[in-house]
Every structure is written in structure tokens, then in C-alpha cells.
Amino acid sequence: MKTTIQHAPESCRSDPPTFTIETDEDYALAIHRIKALSVQDGSSHRELMALKNAIHVWETNNPGIRRDL
């Protein structure tokens, strides 16, 4: 799975990460990571939203593959 994170200057918040799911294994790892995220601080929330977006893109491009979160 590819991850892109653009860091802002020290005085600003970083942009949320961007994940690209490339394989079935990446997809399974993303599902697992979402289930493991329980802390709801700002970083965890941004990671969670980015993972959910990556899963949405994967499921759109790979119909018939879907797991319940």
C-alpha cells in the first residue's frame, strides 16, 4: 500500500495522509487497521478518514470485493 503524507511547516497542521490500495492484501490490511483504530485524536481521525477513502476507491474499482467495517 502506498502512503503519501505532506507535512506542513512546524507551525501548521499536516495534511491528512493519502493511501493507495494496490492489492487484495493491502485492502485486508486497511480493513484491519480501521478496526484497530480506537484512539480518536486528530491524527487517528485523519488516518481513519484516509483509510476509508482508500477502501471506497478500491471497492469502486473492484466490484464484488467488499468487507463490512
Protein backbone atom coordinates (compact mmCIF):
# COMPACT_ATOMS: atom_id res chain seq x y z
CA MET A 1 0.00 0.00 0.00
CA LYS A 2 1.35 3.41 -0.90
CA THR A 3 1.07 6.22 1.60
CA THR A 4 1.62 9.89 0.89
CA ILE A 5 1.90 12.42 3.71
CA GLN A 6 2.62 16.06 3.08
CA HIS A 7 3.97 17.77 6.17
CA ALA A 8 3.30 21.42 6.75
CA PRO A 9 5.75 23.82 8.39
CA GLU A 10 6.16 23.30 12.13
CA SER A 11 3.62 25.98 12.95
CA CYS A 12 0.84 24.40 10.84
CA ARG A 13 -1.02 21.12 10.81
CA SER A 14 -0.02 18.46 8.32
CA ASP A 15 -2.38 17.46 5.56
CA PRO A 16 -4.14 14.13 6.09
CA PRO A 17 -2.35 11.09 4.67
CA THR A 18 -3.38 9.64 1.34
CA PHE A 19 -3.42 5.87 0.97
CA THR A 20 -3.48 3.95 -2.29
CA ILE A 21 -4.57 0.32 -2.05
CA GLU A 22 -2.86 -1.74 -4.72
CA THR A 23 -3.55 -5.37 -3.79
CA ASP A 24 -6.07 -7.59 -2.01
CA GLU A 25 -3.56 -7.82 0.85
CA ASP A 26 -3.41 -4.02 1.13
CA TYR A 27 -7.20 -3.97 1.25
CA ALA A 28 -7.25 -6.52 4.08
CA LEU A 29 -4.59 -4.54 5.98
CA ALA A 30 -6.59 -1.32 5.62
CA ILE A 31 -9.73 -3.05 6.96
CA HIS A 32 -7.72 -4.45 9.88
CA ARG A 33 -6.19 -1.04 10.65
CA ILE A 34 -9.59 0.67 10.68
CA LYS A 35 -10.86 -1.88 13.19
CA ALA A 36 -7.73 -1.36 15.32
CA LEU A 37 -8.03 2.45 15.49
CA SER A 38 -9.70 3.25 18.77
CA VAL A 39 -7.98 6.47 19.83
CA GLN A 40 -9.82 9.46 18.44
CA ASP A 41 -7.20 12.17 18.47
CA GLY A 42 -6.68 14.37 15.44
CA SER A 43 -4.04 12.17 13.81
CA SER A 44 -6.05 8.98 14.26
CA HIS A 45 -9.16 10.61 12.86
CA ARG A 46 -7.29 11.82 9.76
CA GLU A 47 -5.78 8.35 9.27
CA LEU A 48 -9.21 6.74 9.66
CA MET A 49 -10.79 9.05 7.08
CA ALA A 50 -7.92 8.49 4.63
CA LEU A 51 -8.18 4.71 5.01
CA LYS A 52 -11.93 4.76 4.49
CA ASN A 53 -11.46 6.86 1.36
CA ALA A 54 -8.85 4.42 0.01
CA ILE A 55 -11.19 1.50 0.69
CA HIS A 56 -14.01 3.29 -1.10
CA VAL A 57 -11.80 3.83 -4.16
CA TRP A 58 -10.68 0.18 -4.09
CA GLU A 59 -14.24 -1.14 -3.81
CA THR A 60 -15.39 1.14 -6.63
CA ASN A 61 -12.62 -0.14 -8.90
CA ASN A 62 -13.01 -3.79 -7.78
CA PRO A 63 -16.73 -4.62 -7.71
CA GLY A 64 -17.62 -7.76 -5.84
CA ILE A 65 -14.92 -7.25 -3.21
CA ARG A 66 -16.36 -5.71 -0.09
CA ARG A 67 -15.94 -6.28 3.60
CA ASP A 68 -18.07 -4.76 6.30
CA LEU A 69 -16.25 -2.30 8.50
